[in-house]
Amino acid sequence: MDWKEHITFDPKVCHGKACIKGTRVFVSIILDCLAEGMSDSEILENYPSLKRDHIRVALQYSAIKR
């Protein structure tokens, strides 16, 4: 799975910060949730517009951008 297919940087959406396409969920929010120990299921429950694959691409993006 290629993160570029799921993450967007649009100055008109979320001030151009990395977010999941079709949502207003920042990649950083997903990463913060994971860092706090939330499970995938908890994240998906709190952000119903996300799919499990979105969590994976957020991790992939963060690994590439570090």
N, C-alpha and C. Protein backbone atom coordinates (compact mmCIF):
# COMPACT_ATOMS: atom_id res chain seq x y z
N MET A 1 0.83 -1.17 0.00
CA MET A 1 0.00 0.00 0.00
C MET A 1 0.88 1.24 0.00
N ASP A 2 0.56 2.16 -0.86
CA ASP A 2 1.35 3.38 -1.01
C ASP A 2 0.66 4.53 -0.27
N TRP A 3 1.36 5.12 0.68
CA TRP A 3 0.77 6.20 1.47
C TRP A 3 0.31 7.37 0.61
N LYS A 4 0.97 7.57 -0.53
CA LYS A 4 0.65 8.70 -1.40
C LYS A 4 -0.77 8.63 -1.97
N GLU A 5 -1.34 7.43 -1.97
CA GLU A 5 -2.71 7.26 -2.46
C GLU A 5 -3.74 7.63 -1.40
N HIS A 6 -3.32 7.76 -0.15
CA HIS A 6 -4.27 7.96 0.95
C HIS A 6 -4.04 9.23 1.75
N ILE A 7 -2.91 9.89 1.56
CA ILE A 7 -2.59 11.09 2.33
C ILE A 7 -2.48 12.27 1.38
N THR A 8 -3.06 13.38 1.79
CA THR A 8 -3.06 14.57 0.94
C THR A 8 -2.51 15.78 1.70
N PHE A 9 -2.05 16.73 0.95
CA PHE A 9 -1.55 18.01 1.46
C PHE A 9 -2.22 19.10 0.63
N ASP A 10 -3.34 19.60 1.08
CA ASP A 10 -4.09 20.60 0.33
C ASP A 10 -4.19 21.86 1.19
N PRO A 11 -3.66 22.98 0.73
CA PRO A 11 -3.71 24.21 1.53
C PRO A 11 -5.13 24.63 1.88
N LYS A 12 -6.12 24.15 1.13
CA LYS A 12 -7.52 24.49 1.40
C LYS A 12 -8.17 23.55 2.41
N VAL A 13 -7.47 22.47 2.74
CA VAL A 13 -7.99 21.49 3.69
C VAL A 13 -6.95 21.30 4.79
N CYS A 14 -7.34 21.52 6.01
CA CYS A 14 -6.46 21.30 7.17
C CYS A 14 -5.16 22.10 7.07
N HIS A 15 -5.24 23.28 6.46
CA HIS A 15 -4.09 24.19 6.37
C HIS A 15 -2.88 23.56 5.68
N GLY A 16 -3.13 22.59 4.81
CA GLY A 16 -2.05 21.97 4.05
C GLY A 16 -1.26 20.92 4.81
N LYS A 17 -1.70 20.60 6.03
CA LYS A 17 -1.01 19.56 6.80
C LYS A 17 -1.43 18.18 6.30
N ALA A 18 -0.59 17.20 6.53
CA ALA A 18 -0.87 15.84 6.08
C ALA A 18 -2.16 15.34 6.72
N CYS A 19 -3.11 14.96 5.87
CA CYS A 19 -4.34 14.38 6.39
C CYS A 19 -4.79 13.26 5.46
N ILE A 20 -5.71 12.46 5.97
CA ILE A 20 -6.23 11.33 5.20
C ILE A 20 -7.20 11.89 4.15
N LYS A 21 -7.01 11.48 2.91
CA LYS A 21 -7.86 11.96 1.81
C LYS A 21 -9.32 11.70 2.13
N GLY A 22 -10.14 12.68 1.82
CA GLY A 22 -11.58 12.55 2.01
C GLY A 22 -12.03 12.77 3.44
N THR A 23 -11.08 13.13 4.32
CA THR A 23 -11.41 13.40 5.72
C THR A 23 -10.72 14.69 6.13
N ARG A 24 -10.94 15.06 7.35
CA ARG A 24 -10.19 16.18 7.94
C ARG A 24 -9.40 15.67 9.14
N VAL A 25 -8.97 14.43 9.04
CA VAL A 25 -8.21 13.80 10.13
C VAL A 25 -6.73 13.91 9.80
N PHE A 26 -6.01 14.64 10.64
CA PHE A 26 -4.57 14.77 10.47
C PHE A 26 -3.87 13.44 10.70
N VAL A 27 -2.82 13.20 9.94
CA VAL A 27 -1.97 12.04 10.19
C VAL A 27 -1.42 12.12 11.61
N SER A 28 -1.07 13.31 12.05
CA SER A 28 -0.52 13.48 13.39
C SER A 28 -1.49 13.06 14.48
N ILE A 29 -2.78 13.23 14.25
CA ILE A 29 -3.78 12.78 15.24
C ILE A 29 -3.74 11.27 15.37
N ILE A 30 -3.65 10.58 14.25
CA ILE A 30 -3.59 9.11 14.28
C ILE A 30 -2.34 8.67 15.03
N LEU A 31 -1.22 9.31 14.73
CA LEU A 31 0.04 8.94 15.39
C LEU A 31 0.00 9.25 16.88
N ASP A 32 -0.60 10.37 17.25
CA ASP A 32 -0.75 10.71 18.67
C ASP A 32 -1.60 9.67 19.40
N CYS A 33 -2.67 9.25 18.77
CA CYS A 33 -3.53 8.23 19.36
C CYS A 33 -2.75 6.93 19.59
N LEU A 34 -1.99 6.53 18.61
CA LEU A 34 -1.17 5.32 18.75
C LEU A 34 -0.14 5.48 19.85
N ALA A 35 0.48 6.65 19.91
CA ALA A 35 1.49 6.91 20.94
C ALA A 35 0.89 6.86 22.34
N GLU A 36 -0.38 7.23 22.46
CA GLU A 36 -1.07 7.19 23.75
C GLU A 36 -1.54 5.79 24.12
N GLY A 37 -1.34 4.85 23.19
CA GLY A 37 -1.68 3.46 23.48
C GLY A 37 -3.06 3.03 23.01
N MET A 38 -3.72 3.86 22.22
CA MET A 38 -5.03 3.48 21.70
C MET A 38 -4.87 2.35 20.70
N SER A 39 -5.82 1.44 20.72
CA SER A 39 -5.82 0.35 19.75
C SER A 39 -6.41 0.85 18.43
N ASP A 40 -6.19 0.09 17.37
CA ASP A 40 -6.78 0.44 16.08
C ASP A 40 -8.30 0.57 16.22
N SER A 41 -8.91 -0.36 16.93
CA SER A 41 -10.36 -0.35 17.11
C SER A 41 -10.83 0.91 17.81
N GLU A 42 -10.09 1.35 18.82
CA GLU A 42 -10.45 2.58 19.54
C GLU A 42 -10.34 3.80 18.63
N ILE A 43 -9.31 3.83 17.83
CA ILE A 43 -9.13 4.96 16.90
C ILE A 43 -10.28 4.98 15.90
N LEU A 44 -10.61 3.83 15.35
CA LEU A 44 -11.68 3.76 14.36
C LEU A 44 -13.03 4.12 14.98
N GLU A 45 -13.21 3.79 16.24
CA GLU A 45 -14.45 4.14 16.93
C GLU A 45 -14.55 5.66 17.13
N ASN A 46 -13.42 6.29 17.47
CA ASN A 46 -13.40 7.73 17.70
C ASN A 46 -13.40 8.55 16.42
N TYR A 47 -12.92 7.97 15.34
CA TYR A 47 -12.85 8.65 14.05
C TYR A 47 -13.50 7.76 12.99
N PRO A 48 -14.83 7.74 12.94
CA PRO A 48 -15.54 6.81 12.06
C PRO A 48 -15.29 6.99 10.57
N SER A 49 -14.72 8.12 10.17
CA SER A 49 -14.43 8.31 8.75
C SER A 49 -13.16 7.57 8.32
N LEU A 50 -12.42 7.04 9.30
CA LEU A 50 -11.18 6.31 9.00
C LEU A 50 -11.45 4.83 8.76
N LYS A 51 -10.52 4.24 8.04
CA LYS A 51 -10.48 2.78 7.84
C LYS A 51 -9.17 2.27 8.42
N ARG A 52 -9.12 0.99 8.69
CA ARG A 52 -7.92 0.39 9.27
C ARG A 52 -6.69 0.67 8.40
N ASP A 53 -6.84 0.66 7.09
CA ASP A 53 -5.72 0.95 6.19
C ASP A 53 -5.16 2.35 6.40
N HIS A 54 -6.00 3.28 6.81
CA HIS A 54 -5.53 4.65 7.05
C HIS A 54 -4.53 4.69 8.20
N ILE A 55 -4.73 3.86 9.19
CA ILE A 55 -3.79 3.80 10.31
C ILE A 55 -2.44 3.29 9.81
N ARG A 56 -2.47 2.30 8.95
CA ARG A 56 -1.24 1.73 8.41
C ARG A 56 -0.48 2.75 7.56
N VAL A 57 -1.20 3.50 6.72
CA VAL A 57 -0.49 4.47 5.87
C VAL A 57 0.04 5.63 6.70
N ALA A 58 -0.63 5.97 7.79
CA ALA A 58 -0.11 7.02 8.68
C ALA A 58 1.23 6.57 9.27
N LEU A 59 1.32 5.32 9.67
CA LEU A 59 2.58 4.79 10.19
C LEU A 59 3.65 4.75 9.10
N GLN A 60 3.25 4.33 7.93
CA GLN A 60 4.19 4.28 6.80
C GLN A 60 4.72 5.68 6.49
N TYR A 61 3.84 6.64 6.44
CA TYR A 61 4.24 8.03 6.17
C TYR A 61 5.20 8.53 7.25
N SER A 62 4.89 8.25 8.50
CA SER A 62 5.76 8.74 9.59
C SER A 62 7.15 8.11 9.53
N ALA A 63 7.21 6.86 9.12
CA ALA A 63 8.51 6.18 9.02
C ALA A 63 9.36 6.80 7.91
N ILE A 64 8.72 7.19 6.84
CA ILE A 64 9.44 7.78 5.72
C ILE A 64 9.88 9.21 6.02
N LYS A 65 9.08 9.94 6.78
CA LYS A 65 9.32 11.35 7.03
C LYS A 65 10.15 11.64 8.28
N ARG A 66 10.66 10.65 8.94
CA ARG A 66 11.43 10.93 10.17
C ARG A 66 12.84 11.31 9.89
